C-alpha atoms as a PDB file:
ATOM      1  CA  MET A   1      -5.170   3.768  21.409  1.00  0.00           C
ATOM      2  CA  PRO A   2      -2.722   6.401  20.981  1.00  0.00           C
ATOM      3  CA  GLY A   3       0.873   5.756  18.727  1.00  0.00           C
ATOM      4  CA  PRO A   4       1.965   3.683  16.591  1.00  0.00           C
ATOM      5  CA  VAL A   5      -0.375   0.771  14.465  1.00  0.00           C
ATOM      6  CA  PRO A   6       1.176  -2.908  16.465  1.00  0.00           C
ATOM      7  CA  ASN A   7       2.333  -5.438  14.657  1.00  0.00           C
ATOM      8  CA  ARG A   8       0.592  -8.410  13.626  1.00  0.00           C
ATOM      9  CA  SER A   9       0.880 -11.381  16.563  1.00  0.00           C
ATOM     10  CA  THR A  10       2.179 -13.949  13.399  1.00  0.00           C
ATOM     11  CA  ASP A  11       5.043 -10.958  12.713  1.00  0.00           C
ATOM     12  CA  LEU A  12       6.374 -11.419  16.681  1.00  0.00           C
ATOM     13  CA  SER A  13       8.746 -13.560  17.812  1.00  0.00           C
ATOM     14  CA  ARG A  14       7.269 -14.536  21.012  1.00  0.00           C
ATOM     15  CA  GLU A  15       3.639 -14.960  22.318  1.00  0.00           C
ATOM     16  CA  ARG A  16       4.493 -12.983  25.089  1.00  0.00           C
ATOM     17  CA  ASP A  17       5.163  -9.673  23.352  1.00  0.00           C
ATOM     18  CA  ALA A  18       2.063  -9.337  21.603  1.00  0.00           C
ATOM     19  CA  ASN A  19       0.248  -8.891  25.644  1.00  0.00           C
ATOM     20  CA  ARG A  20       3.367  -6.934  27.095  1.00  0.00           C
ATOM     21  CA  GLY A  21       2.006  -4.733  29.180  1.00  0.00           C
ATOM     22  CA  ASP A  22      -1.500  -3.335  29.430  1.00  0.00           C
ATOM     23  CA  ARG A  23      -2.435  -4.459  26.065  1.00  0.00           C
ATOM     24  CA  ALA A  24      -5.801  -5.923  25.372  1.00  0.00           C
ATOM     25  CA  PRO A  25      -5.766  -9.721  24.313  1.00  0.00           C
ATOM     26  CA  ILE A  26      -5.491 -10.001  20.367  1.00  0.00           C
ATOM     27  CA  THR A  27      -9.135 -11.022  19.105  1.00  0.00           C
ATOM     28  CA  LYS A  28      -8.571 -12.581  15.641  1.00  0.00           C
ATOM     29  CA  GLY A  29     -10.873 -13.043  12.528  1.00  0.00           C
ATOM     30  CA  GLU A  30     -11.077 -14.818   9.540  1.00  0.00           C
ATOM     31  CA  LEU A  31      -9.784 -13.264   5.697  1.00  0.00           C
ATOM     32  CA  ARG A  32     -12.467 -12.974   3.766  1.00  0.00           C
ATOM     33  CA  PRO A  33     -12.819 -13.111   0.199  1.00  0.00           C
ATOM     34  CA  VAL A  34     -12.102  -9.685  -1.870  1.00  0.00           C
ATOM     35  CA  VAL A  35     -14.574  -7.897  -4.288  1.00  0.00           C
ATOM     36  CA  ILE A  36     -12.658  -4.475  -5.700  1.00  0.00           C
ATOM     37  CA  PRO A  37     -15.513  -2.233  -7.067  1.00  0.00           C
ATOM     38  CA  HIS A  38     -15.317  -0.921 -10.571  1.00  0.00           C
ATOM     39  CA  MET A  39     -13.798   2.439 -10.914  1.00  0.00           C
ATOM     40  CA  ASP A  40     -16.216   5.014 -11.366  1.00  0.00           C
ATOM     41  CA  HIS A  41     -15.262   6.293 -14.805  1.00  0.00           C
ATOM     42  CA  SER A  42     -16.880  10.125 -14.176  1.00  0.00           C
ATOM     43  CA  TRP A  43     -13.490  10.488 -12.002  1.00  0.00           C
ATOM     44  CA  HIS A  44     -10.820  13.275 -12.338  1.00  0.00           C
ATOM     45  CA  PRO A  45      -8.217  11.574 -14.012  1.00  0.00           C
ATOM     46  CA  ILE A  46      -5.759  11.621 -11.176  1.00  0.00           C
ATOM     47  CA  SER A  47      -8.165   9.638  -9.052  1.00  0.00           C
ATOM     48  CA  LYS A  48      -8.509   7.069 -11.594  1.00  0.00           C
ATOM     49  CA  MET A  49      -4.732   6.549 -11.646  1.00  0.00           C
ATOM     50  CA  LEU A  50      -5.145   6.271  -7.645  1.00  0.00           C
ATOM     51  CA  TRP A  51      -7.691   4.035  -8.187  1.00  0.00           C
ATOM     52  CA  LYS A  52      -5.396   1.652 -10.785  1.00  0.00           C
ATOM     53  CA  SER A  53      -2.324   2.011  -8.749  1.00  0.00           C
ATOM     54  CA  LEU A  54      -3.876   0.824  -5.606  1.00  0.00           C
ATOM     55  CA  LYS A  55      -5.206  -2.256  -7.543  1.00  0.00           C
ATOM     56  CA  THR A  56      -1.772  -2.946  -9.072  1.00  0.00           C
ATOM     57  CA  SER A  57       0.265  -2.216  -5.754  1.00  0.00           C
ATOM     58  CA  GLY A  58       1.596  -4.655  -3.268  1.00  0.00           C
ATOM     59  CA  GLN A  59      -0.114  -3.428  -0.054  1.00  0.00           C
ATOM     60  CA  ALA A  60      -3.713  -4.480  -2.115  1.00  0.00           C
ATOM     61  CA  ASP A  61      -2.365  -8.288  -0.999  1.00  0.00           C
ATOM     62  CA  PHE A  62      -3.024  -7.151   2.660  1.00  0.00           C
ATOM     63  CA  TYR A  63      -6.760  -4.827   1.421  1.00  0.00           C
ATOM     64  CA  GLN A  64      -9.929  -6.081   2.626  1.00  0.00           C
ATOM     65  CA  ASN A  65     -13.522  -5.177   1.425  1.00  0.00           C
ATOM     66  CA  SER A  66     -14.099  -2.318   4.162  1.00  0.00           C
ATOM     67  CA  ASP A  67     -10.347  -1.185   2.386  1.00  0.00           C
ATOM     68  CA  TRP A  68     -11.014  -1.212  -1.014  1.00  0.00           C
ATOM     69  CA  ALA A  69     -14.699   0.849   0.039  1.00  0.00           C
ATOM     70  CA  PHE A  70     -12.432   3.279   1.943  1.00  0.00           C
ATOM     71  CA  ALA A  71     -10.307   3.604  -1.331  1.00  0.00           C
ATOM     72  CA  TYR A  72     -13.442   4.493  -3.243  1.00  0.00           C
ATOM     73  CA  SER A  73     -14.667   6.968  -1.042  1.00  0.00           C
ATOM     74  CA  LEU A  74     -11.074   8.268  -0.955  1.00  0.00           C
ATOM     75  CA  CYS A  75     -10.690   8.497  -5.003  1.00  0.00           C
ATOM     76  CA  GLU A  76     -14.355   9.728  -4.701  1.00  0.00           C
ATOM     77  CA  ASP A  77     -13.370  13.088  -2.699  1.00  0.00           C
ATOM     78  CA  LEU A  78     -10.404  13.146  -4.781  1.00  0.00           C
ATOM     79  CA  SER A  79     -11.804  13.492  -7.614  1.00  0.00           C
ATOM     80  CA  MET A  80     -14.599  15.999  -5.897  1.00  0.00           C
ATOM     81  CA  TYR A  81     -11.443  18.071  -4.954  1.00  0.00           C
ATOM     82  CA  LYS A  82      -9.496  17.934  -8.362  1.00  0.00           C
ATOM     83  CA  ASN A  83     -12.478  18.523 -10.661  1.00  0.00           C
ATOM     84  CA  PRO A  84     -13.354  22.443 -11.364  1.00  0.00           C
ATOM     85  CA  SER A  85     -16.872  24.194  -9.552  1.00  0.00           C
ATOM     86  CA  VAL A  86     -19.091  25.801 -11.377  1.00  0.00           C
ATOM     87  CA  SER A  87     -20.526  29.243 -10.854  1.00  0.00           C
ATOM     88  CA  LYS A  88     -24.071  30.694 -11.527  1.00  0.00           C
ATOM     89  CA  ASP A  89     -23.153  32.190 -14.512  1.00  0.00           C
ATOM     90  CA  GLY A  90     -21.170  29.078 -15.874  1.00  0.00           C
ATOM     91  CA  GLU A  91     -17.485  30.009 -15.028  1.00  0.00           C
ATOM     92  CA  GLU A  92     -15.531  27.114 -13.828  1.00  0.00           C
ATOM     93  CA  TYR A  93     -13.394  27.718 -11.151  1.00  0.00           C
ATOM     94  CA  HIS A  94     -10.981  25.190  -8.323  1.00  0.00           C
ATOM     95  CA  LYS A  95     -12.259  26.175  -4.825  1.00  0.00           C
ATOM     96  CA  ARG A  96      -9.583  23.881  -3.274  1.00  0.00           C
ATOM     97  CA  SER A  97      -9.214  24.086   0.782  1.00  0.00           C
ATOM     98  CA  GLY A  98      -6.260  22.944   2.198  1.00  0.00           C
ATOM     99  CA  GLN A  99      -7.960  21.490   4.646  1.00  0.00           C
ATOM    100  CA  MET A 100      -9.663  18.882   2.601  1.00  0.00           C
ATOM    101  CA  LEU A 101      -6.147  18.617   1.166  1.00  0.00           C
ATOM    102  CA  GLN A 102      -4.344  17.737   4.170  1.00  0.00           C
ATOM    103  CA  THR A 103      -7.589  15.054   4.794  1.00  0.00           C
ATOM    104  CA  ILE A 104      -7.221  13.088   1.606  1.00  0.00           C
ATOM    105  CA  TYR A 105      -3.889  12.878   2.291  1.00  0.00           C
ATOM    106  CA  ALA A 106      -4.230  11.831   5.535  1.00  0.00           C
ATOM    107  CA  SER A 107      -6.383   8.988   4.130  1.00  0.00           C
ATOM    108  CA  MET A 108      -4.300   7.551   2.099  1.00  0.00           C
ATOM    109  CA  GLU A 109      -1.373   7.185   4.706  1.00  0.00           C
ATOM    110  CA  ARG A 110      -4.099   5.052   6.679  1.00  0.00           C
ATOM    111  CA  LEU A 111      -3.921   2.821   3.253  1.00  0.00           C
ATOM    112  CA  LEU A 112      -0.657   2.365   3.020  1.00  0.00           C
ATOM    113  CA  VAL A 113      -0.224   4.306  -0.280  1.00  0.00           C
ATOM    114  CA  THR A 114       3.106   5.680  -0.035  1.00  0.00           C
ATOM    115  CA  GLU A 115       6.569   3.307   0.590  1.00  0.00           C
ATOM    116  CA  GLY A 116       7.126   5.582   4.271  1.00  0.00           C
ATOM    117  CA  ASP A 117       3.736   4.805   5.020  1.00  0.00           C
ATOM    118  CA  ARG A 118       4.084   1.151   4.583  1.00  0.00           C
ATOM    119  CA  ARG A 119       7.996   0.819   6.426  1.00  0.00           C
ATOM    120  CA  ARG A 120       6.120   3.067   9.549  1.00  0.00           C
ATOM    121  CA  VAL A 121       3.937   0.041   9.940  1.00  0.00           C
ATOM    122  CA  ARG A 122       6.867  -1.809   9.110  1.00  0.00           C
ATOM    123  CA  ILE A 123       5.264  -3.412   5.475  1.00  0.00           C
ATOM    124  CA  GLU A 124       8.194  -4.222   2.935  1.00  0.00           C
ATOM    125  CA  LEU A 125       7.547  -5.094  -0.245  1.00  0.00           C
ATOM    126  CA  SER A 126       9.933  -7.020  -2.401  1.00  0.00           C
ATOM    127  CA  ALA A 127      10.587  -8.056  -5.958  1.00  0.00           C
ATOM    128  CA  PRO A 128       9.244 -11.534  -6.767  1.00  0.00           C
ATOM    129  CA  ILE A 129      11.833 -14.301  -6.821  1.00  0.00           C
ATOM    130  CA  SER A 130      13.320 -15.102  -9.944  1.00  0.00           C
ATOM    131  CA  GLU A 131      13.698 -19.003 -11.149  1.00  0.00           C
ATOM    132  CA  GLU A 132      16.418 -17.830 -12.349  1.00  0.00           C
ATOM    133  CA  GLU A 133      20.214 -18.476 -10.838  1.00  0.00           C
ATOM    134  CA  PRO A 134      21.450 -14.654  -9.023  1.00  0.00           C
ATOM    135  CA  ALA A 135      23.987 -12.719 -10.601  1.00  0.00           C
ATOM    136  CA  SER A 136      25.775 -12.761  -7.846  1.00  0.00           C
ATOM    137  CA  VAL A 137      25.726 -16.750  -7.766  1.00  0.00           C
ATOM    138  CA  THR A 138      26.615 -16.802 -11.676  1.00  0.00           C
ATOM    139  CA  ALA A 139      29.384 -14.188 -11.128  1.00  0.00           C
ATOM    140  CA  ILE A 140      31.043 -16.283  -8.018  1.00  0.00           C
ATOM    141  CA  ALA A 141      31.247 -19.031 -10.364  1.00  0.00           C
ATOM    142  CA  ASP A 142      33.204 -17.618 -12.920  1.00  0.00           C
ATOM    143  CA  TYR A 143      35.478 -15.962 -10.538  1.00  0.00           C
ATOM    144  CA  LYS A 144      36.024 -19.686  -9.312  1.00  0.00           C
ATOM    145  CA  GLN A 145      35.974 -20.788 -12.747  1.00  0.00           C
ATOM    146  CA  GLY A 146      38.784 -18.162 -13.569  1.00  0.00           C
ATOM    147  CA  LEU A 147      40.932 -18.915 -10.750  1.00  0.00           C
ATOM    148  CA  GLY A 148      40.948 -22.284 -11.818  1.00  0.00           C
ATOM    149  CA  LEU A 149      38.851 -23.647  -8.657  1.00  0.00           C
ATOM    150  CA  VAL A 150      36.142 -25.093 -10.619  1.00  0.00           C
ATOM    151  CA  PRO A 151      36.911 -27.350 -13.788  1.00  0.00           C
ATOM    152  CA  ASN A 152      35.412 -26.251 -17.049  1.00  0.00           C
ATOM    153  CA  ASP A 153      32.545 -27.695 -18.571  1.00  0.00           C
END
């Protein structure tokens, strides 16, 4: 289907929005337990850094086993792209294709690696909610106390 990725049906305000126009009905499945594969220690350092960041990033909450397999393949490809090749005479050289790099970056978009990618599909990650009282509440209470609207403790 061309166009942007549609919202999940649970994110829509009304049931009819999910079935608007000529859209096919939504087929739902169940999220399964996820097993994250181990990183290949022979990868290029940038591939290792990407893999580790994927495991600790907020979008990983949405990844299933197929997403992790795709991410593994992407890190493998990135490692091959970044590591130098060796010629017949033993010389190292970098044979890098602009098309391959573009393909790798497009794959990163599919895994929602950057904030812009996530915002395009309407996923926003927010900071964890602290159990402490927010600074704004404390500041307002201090302000009211300074005006004499709240008695001192």
